[in-house]
PDB file of N, CA and C in Angstrom:
ATOM      1  N   MET A   1     265.012 136.127 125.488  1.00  0.00           N
ATOM      2  CA  MET A   1     265.925 134.983 125.678  1.00  0.00           C
ATOM      3  C   MET A   1     266.928 134.928 124.424  1.00  0.00           C
ATOM      4  N   THR A   2     268.060 135.126 124.837  1.00  0.00           N
ATOM      5  CA  THR A   2     269.282 135.250 123.654  1.00  0.00           C
ATOM      6  C   THR A   2     270.368 134.438 124.037  1.00  0.00           C
ATOM      7  N   THR A   3     270.486 133.907 125.093  1.00  0.00           N
ATOM      8  CA  THR A   3     271.706 133.083 125.500  1.00  0.00           C
ATOM      9  C   THR A   3     271.325 131.661 125.702  1.00  0.00           C
ATOM     10  N   ARG A   4     272.398 130.768 125.576  1.00  0.00           N
ATOM     11  CA  ARG A   4     272.441 129.418 125.697  1.00  0.00           C
ATOM     12  C   ARG A   4     272.008 129.051 127.070  1.00  0.00           C
ATOM     13  N   GLU A   5     272.490 129.697 128.041  1.00  0.00           N
ATOM     14  CA  GLU A   5     272.200 129.527 129.462  1.00  0.00           C
ATOM     15  C   GLU A   5     270.594 129.687 129.664  1.00  0.00           C
ATOM     16  N   GLU A   6     270.108 130.813 129.112  1.00  0.00           N
ATOM     17  CA  GLU A   6     268.584 131.095 129.341  1.00  0.00           C
ATOM     18  C   GLU A   6     267.699 130.064 128.562  1.00  0.00           C
ATOM     19  N   ALA A   7     268.253 129.573 127.528  1.00  0.00           N
ATOM     20  CA  ALA A   7     267.528 128.456 126.762  1.00  0.00           C
ATOM     21  C   ALA A   7     267.538 127.302 127.365  1.00  0.00           C
ATOM     22  N   LEU A   8     268.707 126.711 127.914  1.00  0.00           N
ATOM     23  CA  LEU A   8     268.798 125.462 128.654  1.00  0.00           C
ATOM     24  C   LEU A   8     268.134 125.521 129.956  1.00  0.00           C
ATOM     25  N   ALA A   9     268.234 126.636 130.722  1.00  0.00           N
ATOM     26  CA  ALA A   9     267.572 126.734 131.992  1.00  0.00           C
ATOM     27  C   ALA A   9     266.001 126.639 131.805  1.00  0.00           C
ATOM     28  N   TYR A  10     265.466 127.123 130.746  1.00  0.00           N
ATOM     29  CA  TYR A  10     264.058 127.055 130.546  1.00  0.00           C
ATOM     30  C   TYR A  10     263.691 125.544 130.179  1.00  0.00           C
ATOM     31  N   CYS A  11     264.489 125.007 129.260  1.00  0.00           N
ATOM     32  CA  CYS A  11     264.344 123.582 128.984  1.00  0.00           C
ATOM     33  C   CYS A  11     264.320 122.650 130.096  1.00  0.00           C
ATOM     34  N   LEU A  12     265.257 122.913 130.961  1.00  0.00           N
ATOM     35  CA  LEU A  12     265.551 121.987 132.238  1.00  0.00           C
ATOM     36  C   LEU A  12     264.488 122.297 133.306  1.00  0.00           C
ATOM     37  N   SER A  13     263.631 123.186 133.050  1.00  0.00           N
ATOM     38  CA  SER A  13     262.529 123.569 133.989  1.00  0.00           C
ATOM     39  C   SER A  13     261.394 122.599 133.864  1.00  0.00           C
ATOM     40  N   PHE A  14     261.358 121.907 132.764  1.00  0.00           N
ATOM     41  CA  PHE A  14     260.233 120.765 132.664  1.00  0.00           C
ATOM     42  C   PHE A  14     260.492 119.567 133.400  1.00  0.00           C
ATOM     43  N   PRO A  15     259.459 118.781 133.713  1.00  0.00           N
ATOM     44  CA  PRO A  15     259.758 117.554 134.501  1.00  0.00           C
ATOM     45  C   PRO A  15     260.442 116.587 133.722  1.00  0.00           C
ATOM     46  N   ASN A  16     261.341 115.830 134.559  1.00  0.00           N
ATOM     47  CA  ASN A  16     262.012 114.634 134.030  1.00  0.00           C
ATOM     48  C   ASN A  16     262.861 114.893 132.810  1.00  0.00           C
ATOM     49  N   VAL A  17     263.628 116.094 132.817  1.00  0.00           N
ATOM     50  CA  VAL A  17     264.401 116.494 131.813  1.00  0.00           C
ATOM     51  C   VAL A  17     265.810 116.566 132.211  1.00  0.00           C
ATOM     52  N   TYR A  18     266.725 116.213 131.308  1.00  0.00           N
ATOM     53  CA  TYR A  18     268.137 116.325 131.434  1.00  0.00           C
ATOM     54  C   TYR A  18     268.888 116.746 130.404  1.00  0.00           C
ATOM     55  N   GLN A  19     270.069 117.483 130.647  1.00  0.00           N
ATOM     56  CA  GLN A  19     271.042 117.963 129.612  1.00  0.00           C
ATOM     57  C   GLN A  19     272.051 116.951 129.149  1.00  0.00           C
ATOM     58  N   ASP A  20     272.305 116.740 127.966  1.00  0.00           N
ATOM     59  CA  ASP A  20     273.150 115.917 127.423  1.00  0.00           C
ATOM     60  C   ASP A  20     274.040 116.476 126.238  1.00  0.00           C
ATOM     61  N   ALA A  21     275.169 115.887 126.211  1.00  0.00           N
ATOM     62  CA  ALA A  21     276.143 116.473 125.107  1.00  0.00           C
ATOM     63  C   ALA A  21     276.696 115.169 124.360  1.00  0.00           C
ATOM     64  N   PRO A  22     275.988 114.502 123.620  1.00  0.00           N
ATOM     65  CA  PRO A  22     276.358 113.160 123.032  1.00  0.00           C
ATOM     66  C   PRO A  22     277.373 113.275 121.843  1.00  0.00           C
ATOM     67  N   PHE A  23     277.614 114.405 121.370  1.00  0.00           N
ATOM     68  CA  PHE A  23     278.256 114.525 120.007  1.00  0.00           C
ATOM     69  C   PHE A  23     279.858 114.858 120.370  1.00  0.00           C
ATOM     70  N   HIS A  24     280.293 114.792 121.666  1.00  0.00           N
ATOM     71  CA  HIS A  24     281.657 115.186 121.951  1.00  0.00           C
ATOM     72  C   HIS A  24     282.033 116.589 121.406  1.00  0.00           C
ATOM     73  N   ASP A  25     281.102 117.514 121.465  1.00  0.00           N
ATOM     74  CA  ASP A  25     281.318 118.783 121.180  1.00  0.00           C
ATOM     75  C   ASP A  25     280.370 119.580 122.032  1.00  0.00           C
ATOM     76  N   ASP A  26     280.974 120.411 122.948  1.00  0.00           N
ATOM     77  CA  ASP A  26     280.184 121.193 123.914  1.00  0.00           C
ATOM     78  C   ASP A  26     279.369 122.210 123.320  1.00  0.00           C
ATOM     79  N   ASN A  27     279.571 122.479 121.993  1.00  0.00           N
ATOM     80  CA  ASN A  27     278.690 123.599 121.348  1.00  0.00           C
ATOM     81  C   ASN A  27     277.274 122.983 121.286  1.00  0.00           C
ATOM     82  N   TRP A  28     277.037 121.683 121.007  1.00  0.00           N
ATOM     83  CA  TRP A  28     275.785 121.103 121.013  1.00  0.00           C
ATOM     84  C   TRP A  28     275.367 120.411 122.237  1.00  0.00           C
ATOM     85  N   GLN A  29     274.310 121.124 122.841  1.00  0.00           N
ATOM     86  CA  GLN A  29     273.671 120.651 124.153  1.00  0.00           C
ATOM     87  C   GLN A  29     272.292 120.322 123.948  1.00  0.00           C
ATOM     88  N   LEU A  30     271.800 119.100 124.319  1.00  0.00           N
ATOM     89  CA  LEU A  30     270.535 118.594 124.074  1.00  0.00           C
ATOM     90  C   LEU A  30     269.704 118.592 125.345  1.00  0.00           C
ATOM     91  N   ALA A  31     268.397 118.863 125.224  1.00  0.00           N
ATOM     92  CA  ALA A  31     267.452 118.774 126.322  1.00  0.00           C
ATOM     93  C   ALA A  31     266.697 117.562 126.020  1.00  0.00           C
ATOM     94  N   ARG A  32     266.750 116.422 126.968  1.00  0.00           N
ATOM     95  CA  ARG A  32     266.022 115.143 126.649  1.00  0.00           C
ATOM     96  C   ARG A  32     265.165 114.974 127.758  1.00  0.00           C
ATOM     97  N   TYR A  33     264.035 114.100 127.360  1.00  0.00           N
ATOM     98  CA  TYR A  33     263.070 113.704 128.363  1.00  0.00           C
ATOM     99  C   TYR A  33     263.566 112.399 128.990  1.00  0.00           C
ATOM    100  N   ARG A  34     263.680 112.251 130.249  1.00  0.00           N
ATOM    101  CA  ARG A  34     264.294 111.195 130.884  1.00  0.00           C
ATOM    102  C   ARG A  34     263.659 109.806 130.674  1.00  0.00           C
ATOM    103  N   LYS A  35     262.455 109.665 130.610  1.00  0.00           N
ATOM    104  CA  LYS A  35     261.698 108.525 130.565  1.00  0.00           C
ATOM    105  C   LYS A  35     261.880 107.732 129.243  1.00  0.00           C
ATOM    106  N   ASN A  36     261.994 108.536 128.042  1.00  0.00           N
ATOM    107  CA  ASN A  36     262.196 107.834 126.858  1.00  0.00           C
ATOM    108  C   ASN A  36     263.440 108.387 126.090  1.00  0.00           C
ATOM    109  N   LYS A  37     264.103 109.118 126.625  1.00  0.00           N
ATOM    110  CA  LYS A  37     265.430 109.789 126.139  1.00  0.00           C
ATOM    111  C   LYS A  37     265.340 110.417 124.736  1.00  0.00           C
ATOM    112  N   LYS A  38     264.125 110.842 124.604  1.00  0.00           N
ATOM    113  CA  LYS A  38     263.824 111.788 123.353  1.00  0.00           C
ATOM    114  C   LYS A  38     264.346 113.091 123.460  1.00  0.00           C
ATOM    115  N   THR A  39     264.901 113.647 122.417  1.00  0.00           N
ATOM    116  CA  THR A  39     265.272 114.927 122.461  1.00  0.00           C
ATOM    117  C   THR A  39     264.210 115.980 122.132  1.00  0.00           C
ATOM    118  N   PHE A  40     264.075 117.124 122.714  1.00  0.00           N
ATOM    119  CA  PHE A  40     262.953 118.035 122.395  1.00  0.00           C
ATOM    120  C   PHE A  40     263.733 119.345 121.994  1.00  0.00           C
ATOM    121  N   ALA A  41     264.947 119.612 122.402  1.00  0.00           N
ATOM    122  CA  ALA A  41     265.623 120.832 122.000  1.00  0.00           C
ATOM    123  C   ALA A  41     267.077 120.626 121.791  1.00  0.00           C
ATOM    124  N   LEU A  42     267.593 121.109 120.851  1.00  0.00           N
ATOM    125  CA  LEU A  42     269.101 121.159 120.569  1.00  0.00           C
ATOM    126  C   LEU A  42     269.529 122.582 120.654  1.00  0.00           C
ATOM    127  N   VAL A  43     270.448 122.901 121.464  1.00  0.00           N
ATOM    128  CA  VAL A  43     270.780 124.291 121.647  1.00  0.00           C
ATOM    129  C   VAL A  43     272.406 124.328 121.253  1.00  0.00           C
ATOM    130  N   TYR A  44     272.733 125.263 120.427  1.00  0.00           N
ATOM    131  CA  TYR A  44     274.027 125.385 119.878  1.00  0.00           C
ATOM    132  C   TYR A  44     274.312 126.906 119.307  1.00  0.00           C
ATOM    133  N   GLU A  45     275.586 127.188 119.185  1.00  0.00           N
ATOM    134  CA  GLU A  45     275.893 128.445 118.609  1.00  0.00           C
ATOM    135  C   GLU A  45     276.166 128.254 117.107  1.00  0.00           C
ATOM    136  N   ARG A  46     275.722 129.209 116.391  1.00  0.00           N
ATOM    137  CA  ARG A  46     275.980 129.226 114.928  1.00  0.00           C
ATOM    138  C   ARG A  46     275.853 130.626 114.397  1.00  0.00           C
ATOM    139  N   GLU A  47     276.826 131.025 113.626  1.00  0.00           N
ATOM    140  CA  GLU A  47     276.783 132.512 113.014  1.00  0.00           C
ATOM    141  C   GLU A  47     276.681 133.477 113.994  1.00  0.00           C
ATOM    142  N   GLY A  48     277.242 133.280 115.161  1.00  0.00           N
ATOM    143  CA  GLY A  48     277.225 134.508 116.209  1.00  0.00           C
ATOM    144  C   GLY A  48     275.931 134.474 117.048  1.00  0.00           C
ATOM    145  N   ASN A  49     274.909 133.577 116.910  1.00  0.00           N
ATOM    146  CA  ASN A  49     273.752 133.605 117.666  1.00  0.00           C
ATOM    147  C   ASN A  49     273.644 132.088 118.192  1.00  0.00           C
ATOM    148  N   ILE A  50     272.670 132.042 119.218  1.00  0.00           N
ATOM    149  CA  ILE A  50     272.315 130.689 119.781  1.00  0.00           C
ATOM    150  C   ILE A  50     271.199 130.297 119.019  1.00  0.00           C
ATOM    151  N   TRP A  51     271.218 129.064 118.533  1.00  0.00           N
ATOM    152  CA  TRP A  51     270.045 128.484 117.764  1.00  0.00           C
ATOM    153  C   TRP A  51     269.417 127.455 118.533  1.00  0.00           C
ATOM    154  N   VAL A  52     268.187 127.141 118.510  1.00  0.00           N
ATOM    155  CA  VAL A  52     267.450 126.118 119.277  1.00  0.00           C
ATOM    156  C   VAL A  52     266.556 125.402 118.211  1.00  0.00           C
ATOM    157  N   ASN A  53     266.942 124.086 118.004  1.00  0.00           N
ATOM    158  CA  ASN A  53     265.988 123.258 117.232  1.00  0.00           C
ATOM    159  C   ASN A  53     264.891 122.576 118.105  1.00  0.00           C
ATOM    160  N   VAL A  54     263.799 122.847 117.660  1.00  0.00           N
ATOM    161  CA  VAL A  54     262.501 122.266 118.477  1.00  0.00           C
ATOM    162  C   VAL A  54     261.637 121.404 117.503  1.00  0.00           C
ATOM    163  N   LYS A  55     261.108 120.351 118.039  1.00  0.00           N
ATOM    164  CA  LYS A  55     260.247 119.561 117.324  1.00  0.00           C
ATOM    165  C   LYS A  55     258.913 120.333 117.136  1.00  0.00           C
ATOM    166  N   VAL A  56     258.091 120.279 116.207  1.00  0.00           N
ATOM    167  CA  VAL A  56     257.002 120.999 115.813  1.00  0.00           C
ATOM    168  C   VAL A  56     255.920 120.177 115.197  1.00  0.00           C
ATOM    169  N   ASP A  57     254.664 120.435 115.642  1.00  0.00           N
ATOM    170  CA  ASP A  57     253.545 119.757 114.919  1.00  0.00           C
ATOM    171  C   ASP A  57     253.445 120.365 113.558  1.00  0.00           C
ATOM    172  N   PRO A  58     253.441 119.416 112.549  1.00  0.00           N
ATOM    173  CA  PRO A  58     253.359 119.981 111.204  1.00  0.00           C
ATOM    174  C   PRO A  58     252.201 121.047 110.950  1.00  0.00           C
ATOM    175  N   GLU A  59     251.135 121.041 111.747  1.00  0.00           N
ATOM    176  CA  GLU A  59     250.121 121.911 111.524  1.00  0.00           C
ATOM    177  C   GLU A  59     250.500 123.340 111.900  1.00  0.00           C
ATOM    178  N   TRP A  60     251.450 123.459 112.846  1.00  0.00           N
ATOM    179  CA  TRP A  60     252.049 124.748 113.133  1.00  0.00           C
ATOM    180  C   TRP A  60     253.350 125.320 112.725  1.00  0.00           C
ATOM    181  N   ARG A  61     254.039 124.266 111.996  1.00  0.00           N
ATOM    182  CA  ARG A  61     255.404 124.462 111.414  1.00  0.00           C
ATOM    183  C   ARG A  61     255.463 125.840 110.505  1.00  0.00           C
ATOM    184  N   ASP A  62     254.591 125.844 109.557  1.00  0.00           N
ATOM    185  CA  ASP A  62     254.517 127.001 108.693  1.00  0.00           C
ATOM    186  C   ASP A  62     254.131 128.325 109.286  1.00  0.00           C
ATOM    187  N   PHE A  63     253.212 128.190 110.348  1.00  0.00           N
ATOM    188  CA  PHE A  63     252.875 129.393 111.065  1.00  0.00           C
ATOM    189  C   PHE A  63     253.989 130.033 111.706  1.00  0.00           C
ATOM    190  N   TRP A  64     254.747 129.435 112.330  1.00  0.00           N
ATOM    191  CA  TRP A  64     256.016 129.852 113.026  1.00  0.00           C
ATOM    192  C   TRP A  64     256.980 130.445 112.099  1.00  0.00           C
ATOM    193  N   ARG A  65     257.167 129.721 110.920  1.00  0.00           N
ATOM    194  CA  ARG A  65     258.139 130.093 110.038  1.00  0.00           C
ATOM    195  C   ARG A  65     257.597 131.506 109.228  1.00  0.00           C
ATOM    196  N   GLN A  66     256.425 131.608 108.895  1.00  0.00           N
ATOM    197  CA  GLN A  66     255.862 132.632 108.380  1.00  0.00           C
ATOM    198  C   GLN A  66     255.814 133.924 109.380  1.00  0.00           C
ATOM    199  N   THR A  67     255.556 133.691 110.586  1.00  0.00           N
ATOM    200  CA  THR A  67     255.433 134.684 111.569  1.00  0.00           C
ATOM    201  C   THR A  67     256.779 135.453 111.854  1.00  0.00           C
ATOM    202  N   TYR A  68     257.944 134.728 111.961  1.00  0.00           N
ATOM    203  CA  TYR A  68     259.155 135.174 112.293  1.00  0.00           C
ATOM    204  C   TYR A  68     260.176 134.771 111.232  1.00  0.00           C
ATOM    205  N   GLU A  69     261.009 135.761 110.732  1.00  0.00           N
ATOM    206  CA  GLU A  69     262.095 135.405 109.883  1.00  0.00           C
ATOM    207  C   GLU A  69     263.198 134.591 110.625  1.00  0.00           C
ATOM    208  N   SER A  70     263.285 134.587 112.009  1.00  0.00           N
ATOM    209  CA  SER A  70     264.291 133.992 112.722  1.00  0.00           C
ATOM    210  C   SER A  70     263.762 132.551 113.108  1.00  0.00           C
ATOM    211  N   VAL A  71     262.610 132.053 112.645  1.00  0.00           N
ATOM    212  CA  VAL A  71     262.122 130.592 112.738  1.00  0.00           C
ATOM    213  C   VAL A  71     262.350 130.102 111.317  1.00  0.00           C
ATOM    214  N   ILE A  72     263.180 129.102 111.138  1.00  0.00           N
ATOM    215  CA  ILE A  72     263.498 128.489 109.846  1.00  0.00           C
ATOM    216  C   ILE A  72     263.237 126.991 109.835  1.00  0.00           C
ATOM    217  N   PRO A  73     263.220 126.283 108.807  1.00  0.00           N
ATOM    218  CA  PRO A  73     263.113 124.865 108.850  1.00  0.00           C
ATOM    219  C   PRO A  73     264.302 124.320 109.670  1.00  0.00           C
ATOM    220  N   GLY A  74     264.071 123.345 110.402  1.00  0.00           N
ATOM    221  CA  GLY A  74     265.112 122.730 111.332  1.00  0.00           C
ATOM    222  C   GLY A  74     266.506 122.550 110.695  1.00  0.00           C
ATOM    223  N   TRP A  75     267.487 123.246 111.119  1.00  0.00           N
ATOM    224  CA  TRP A  75     268.848 123.171 110.568  1.00  0.00           C
ATOM    225  C   TRP A  75     269.410 121.871 111.036  1.00  0.00           C
ATOM    226  N   HIS A  76     269.827 121.050 110.052  1.00  0.00           N
ATOM    227  CA  HIS A  76     270.395 119.759 110.253  1.00  0.00           C
ATOM    228  C   HIS A  76     269.305 118.760 110.899  1.00  0.00           C
ATOM    229  N   GLN A  77     268.085 118.955 110.514  1.00  0.00           N
ATOM    230  CA  GLN A  77     267.015 118.184 111.087  1.00  0.00           C
ATOM    231  C   GLN A  77     266.021 117.776 109.977  1.00  0.00           C
ATOM    232  N   ASN A  78     264.933 117.114 110.325  1.00  0.00           N
ATOM    233  CA  ASN A  78     263.821 116.807 109.415  1.00  0.00           C
ATOM    234  C   ASN A  78     263.042 118.110 109.351  1.00  0.00           C
ATOM    235  N   LYS A  79     262.997 118.629 108.034  1.00  0.00           N
ATOM    236  CA  LYS A  79     262.345 119.931 107.793  1.00  0.00           C
ATOM    237  C   LYS A  79     260.900 119.852 108.090  1.00  0.00           C
ATOM    238  N   GLU A  80     260.268 118.691 108.001  1.00  0.00           N
ATOM    239  CA  GLU A  80     258.804 118.660 108.356  1.00  0.00           C
ATOM    240  C   GLU A  80     258.503 118.676 109.789  1.00  0.00           C
ATOM    241  N   HIS A  81     259.398 117.999 110.554  1.00  0.00           N
ATOM    242  CA  HIS A  81     258.974 117.936 112.086  1.00  0.00           C
ATOM    243  C   HIS A  81     259.838 118.793 112.981  1.00  0.00           C
ATOM    244  N   TRP A  82     260.809 119.557 112.386  1.00  0.00           N
ATOM    245  CA  TRP A  82     261.558 120.394 113.218  1.00  0.00           C
ATOM    246  C   TRP A  82     261.731 121.847 112.802  1.00  0.00           C
ATOM    247  N   ASN A  83     261.721 122.835 113.669  1.00  0.00           N
ATOM    248  CA  ASN A  83     261.965 124.203 113.368  1.00  0.00           C
ATOM    249  C   ASN A  83     263.194 124.563 114.155  1.00  0.00           C
ATOM    250  N   THR A  84     263.939 125.595 113.702  1.00  0.00           N
ATOM    251  CA  THR A  84     265.011 126.133 114.300  1.00  0.00           C
ATOM    252  C   THR A  84     264.618 127.636 114.746  1.00  0.00           C
ATOM    253  N   ILE A  85     264.875 128.028 115.943  1.00  0.00           N
ATOM    254  CA  ILE A  85     264.569 129.375 116.417  1.00  0.00           C
ATOM    255  C   ILE A  85     265.925 130.003 116.496  1.00  0.00           C
ATOM    256  N   ILE A  86     266.273 131.068 115.895  1.00  0.00           N
ATOM    257  CA  ILE A  86     267.450 131.868 116.018  1.00  0.00           C
ATOM    258  C   ILE A  86     267.337 132.848 117.102  1.00  0.00           C
ATOM    259  N   LEU A  87     268.020 132.815 118.196  1.00  0.00           N
ATOM    260  CA  LEU A  87     267.846 133.652 119.342  1.00  0.00           C
ATOM    261  C   LEU A  87     268.511 134.979 119.174  1.00  0.00           C
ATOM    262  N   ASP A  88     268.056 135.765 118.206  1.00  0.00           N
ATOM    263  CA  ASP A  88     268.655 137.028 117.880  1.00  0.00           C
ATOM    264  C   ASP A  88     267.881 138.253 118.290  1.00  0.00           C
ATOM    265  N   GLY A  89     266.924 138.060 119.242  1.00  0.00           N
ATOM    266  CA  GLY A  89     266.138 139.086 119.884  1.00  0.00           C
ATOM    267  C   GLY A  89     264.993 139.488 119.081  1.00  0.00           C
ATOM    268  N   THR A  90     264.632 138.867 117.944  1.00  0.00           N
ATOM    269  CA  THR A  90     263.548 139.364 117.190  1.00  0.00           C
ATOM    270  C   THR A  90     262.259 138.495 117.451  1.00  0.00           C
ATOM    271  N   VAL A  91     262.457 137.416 118.103  1.00  0.00           N
ATOM    272  CA  VAL A  91     261.168 136.450 118.375  1.00  0.00           C
ATOM    273  C   VAL A  91     260.942 136.757 120.010  1.00  0.00           C
ATOM    274  N   PRO A  92     259.761 136.940 120.307  1.00  0.00           N
ATOM    275  CA  PRO A  92     259.402 137.400 121.674  1.00  0.00           C
ATOM    276  C   PRO A  92     259.647 136.211 122.606  1.00  0.00           C
ATOM    277  N   GLU A  93     260.007 136.401 123.732  1.00  0.00           N
ATOM    278  CA  GLU A  93     260.419 135.198 124.724  1.00  0.00           C
ATOM    279  C   GLU A  93     259.121 134.424 124.961  1.00  0.00           C
ATOM    280  N   ASN A  94     258.035 135.025 125.071  1.00  0.00           N
ATOM    281  CA  ASN A  94     256.742 134.026 125.237  1.00  0.00           C
ATOM    282  C   ASN A  94     256.595 133.046 124.180  1.00  0.00           C
ATOM    283  N   ASP A  95     256.804 133.543 122.893  1.00  0.00           N
ATOM    284  CA  ASP A  95     256.854 132.633 121.752  1.00  0.00           C
ATOM    285  C   ASP A  95     257.860 131.662 121.730  1.00  0.00           C
ATOM    286  N   ILE A  96     259.144 131.992 122.161  1.00  0.00           N
ATOM    287  CA  ILE A  96     260.206 131.079 122.229  1.00  0.00           C
ATOM    288  C   ILE A  96     259.863 129.925 123.139  1.00  0.00           C
ATOM    289  N   LYS A  97     259.436 130.400 124.359  1.00  0.00           N
ATOM    290  CA  LYS A  97     259.013 129.382 125.470  1.00  0.00           C
ATOM    291  C   LYS A  97     257.800 128.482 125.016  1.00  0.00           C
ATOM    292  N   ARG A  98     256.873 129.054 124.167  1.00  0.00           N
ATOM    293  CA  ARG A  98     255.662 128.260 123.698  1.00  0.00           C
ATOM    294  C   ARG A  98     256.232 127.224 122.755  1.00  0.00           C
ATOM    295  N   MET A  99     257.104 127.561 121.848  1.00  0.00           N
ATOM    296  CA  MET A  99     257.601 126.594 120.958  1.00  0.00           C
ATOM    297  C   MET A  99     258.485 125.450 121.629  1.00  0.00           C
ATOM    298  N   ILE A 100     259.157 125.826 122.689  1.00  0.00           N
ATOM    299  CA  ILE A 100     259.898 124.764 123.451  1.00  0.00           C
ATOM    300  C   ILE A 100     258.998 123.911 124.168  1.00  0.00           C
ATOM    301  N   ALA A 101     257.939 124.564 124.719  1.00  0.00           N
ATOM    302  CA  ALA A 101     256.999 123.746 125.548  1.00  0.00           C
ATOM    303  C   ALA A 101     256.231 122.826 124.648  1.00  0.00           C
ATOM    304  N   GLU A 102     255.887 123.287 123.483  1.00  0.00           N
ATOM    305  CA  GLU A 102     255.210 122.388 122.372  1.00  0.00           C
ATOM    306  C   GLU A 102     256.011 121.237 122.002  1.00  0.00           C
ATOM    307  N   SER A 103     257.355 121.469 121.863  1.00  0.00           N
ATOM    308  CA  SER A 103     258.309 120.443 121.440  1.00  0.00           C
ATOM    309  C   SER A 103     258.239 119.404 122.561  1.00  0.00           C
ATOM    310  N   TYR A 104     258.341 119.865 123.806  1.00  0.00           N
ATOM    311  CA  TYR A 104     258.394 118.941 125.002  1.00  0.00           C
ATOM    312  C   TYR A 104     257.121 118.107 125.032  1.00  0.00           C
ATOM    313  N   ASP A 105     255.929 118.807 124.920  1.00  0.00           N
ATOM    314  CA  ASP A 105     254.644 118.066 124.887  1.00  0.00           C
ATOM    315  C   ASP A 105     254.652 117.014 123.823  1.00  0.00           C
ATOM    316  N   LEU A 106     255.227 117.272 122.624  1.00  0.00           N
ATOM    317  CA  LEU A 106     255.280 116.318 121.481  1.00  0.00           C
ATOM    318  C   LEU A 106     256.061 114.961 121.837  1.00  0.00           C
ATOM    319  N   ILE A 107     257.072 115.062 122.571  1.00  0.00           N
ATOM    320  CA  ILE A 107     257.948 113.985 122.781  1.00  0.00           C
ATOM    321  C   ILE A 107     257.666 113.098 124.026  1.00  0.00           C
ATOM    322  N   VAL A 108     256.890 113.845 125.116  1.00  0.00           N
ATOM    323  CA  VAL A 108     256.658 113.202 126.345  1.00  0.00           C
ATOM    324  C   VAL A 108     255.809 111.793 126.062  1.00  0.00           C
ATOM    325  N   GLY A 109     254.864 111.825 125.305  1.00  0.00           N
ATOM    326  CA  GLY A 109     254.214 110.535 125.120  1.00  0.00           C
ATOM    327  C   GLY A 109     254.766 109.579 124.330  1.00  0.00           C
ATOM    328  N   LYS A 110     255.832 109.819 123.484  1.00  0.00           N
ATOM    329  CA  LYS A 110     256.497 108.799 122.654  1.00  0.00           C
ATOM    330  C   LYS A 110     257.316 107.909 123.334  1.00  0.00           C
ATOM    331  N   LYS A 111     257.301 106.629 122.868  1.00  0.00           N
ATOM    332  CA  LYS A 111     258.054 105.469 123.572  1.00  0.00           C
ATOM    333  C   LYS A 111     259.355 105.513 122.646  1.00  0.00           C
ATOM    334  N   ARG A 112     260.419 105.024 123.369  1.00  0.00           N
ATOM    335  CA  ARG A 112     261.652 104.949 122.658  1.00  0.00           C
ATOM    336  C   ARG A 112     261.607 103.663 121.911  1.00  0.00           C
ATOM    337  N   LYS A 113     262.264 103.841 120.627  1.00  0.00           N
ATOM    338  CA  LYS A 113     262.287 102.618 119.860  1.00  0.00           C
ATOM    339  C   LYS A 113     263.511 101.793 120.300  1.00  0.00           C
ATOM    340  N   ASN A 114     263.295 100.383 120.430  1.00  0.00           N
ATOM    341  CA  ASN A 114     264.329  99.486 120.941  1.00  0.00           C
ATOM    342  C   ASN A 114     264.479  98.374 119.846  1.00  0.00           C
ATOM    343  N   ALA A 115     265.627  98.441 119.158  1.00  0.00           N
ATOM    344  CA  ALA A 115     265.772  97.642 118.080  1.00  0.00           C
ATOM    345  C   ALA A 115     265.932  96.139 118.683  1.00  0.00           C
ATOM    346  N   SER A 116     266.349  95.978 119.821  1.00  0.00           N
ATOM    347  CA  SER A 116     266.629  94.629 120.498  1.00  0.00           C
ATOM    348  C   SER A 116     265.219  93.985 120.819  1.00  0.00           C
ATOM    349  N   ASN A 117     264.227  94.812 120.987  1.00  0.00           N
ATOM    350  CA  ASN A 117     262.974  94.400 121.435  1.00  0.00           C
ATOM    351  C   ASN A 117     261.892  95.010 120.534  1.00  0.00           C
ATOM    352  N   PRO A 118     261.847  94.432 119.171  1.00  0.00           N
ATOM    353  CA  PRO A 118     260.850  95.007 118.253  1.00  0.00           C
ATOM    354  C   PRO A 118     259.409  94.649 118.636  1.00  0.00           C
ATOM    355  N   THR A 119     258.450  95.443 118.147  1.00  0.00           N
ATOM    356  CA  THR A 119     257.053  95.065 118.335  1.00  0.00           C
ATOM    357  C   THR A 119     256.701  93.892 117.427  1.00  0.00           C
ATOM    358  N   PRO A 120     256.209  92.925 118.031  1.00  0.00           N
ATOM    359  CA  PRO A 120     255.912  91.621 117.170  1.00  0.00           C
ATOM    360  C   PRO A 120     254.767  92.128 116.171  1.00  0.00           C
ATOM    361  N   LEU A 121     254.891  91.609 114.893  1.00  0.00           N
ATOM    362  CA  LEU A 121     253.893  91.581 113.967  1.00  0.00           C
ATOM    363  C   LEU A 121     252.661  90.802 114.205  1.00  0.00           C
ATOM    364  N   ILE A 122     251.488  91.143 113.994  1.00  0.00           N
ATOM    365  CA  ILE A 122     250.375  90.362 114.067  1.00  0.00           C
ATOM    366  C   ILE A 122     250.025  89.814 112.707  1.00  0.00           C
ATOM    367  N   ALA A 123     249.833  88.586 112.729  1.00  0.00           N
ATOM    368  CA  ALA A 123     249.673  87.893 111.286  1.00  0.00           C
ATOM    369  C   ALA A 123     248.214  87.678 111.195  1.00  0.00           C
TER     370      ALA A 123
END
């Protein structure tokens, strides 16, 4: 997997997912879960390669970063909870798919925060 089209096609293969471009910049394409609108993959071109930011369980964060030079702390994201996969051909496709799938799994159970309807405090 080295192209934007391949990465987005895989992201869109998950249930209840849609593609979004909220930044008014076609370079940035997001894969979001329809039920809570959470993003699990950001796909963009940078430095001549396609980069994919994925949510990561902190337990696995360093494993992926130490295993592949092309997996780095999330570019433009929270470094504790996001990794960036640089699709330069050095990370096996199965591992790219696994990281994207794990990102999807992490956001599926999350509820969207709604500032207009905050959770009441129990006194």
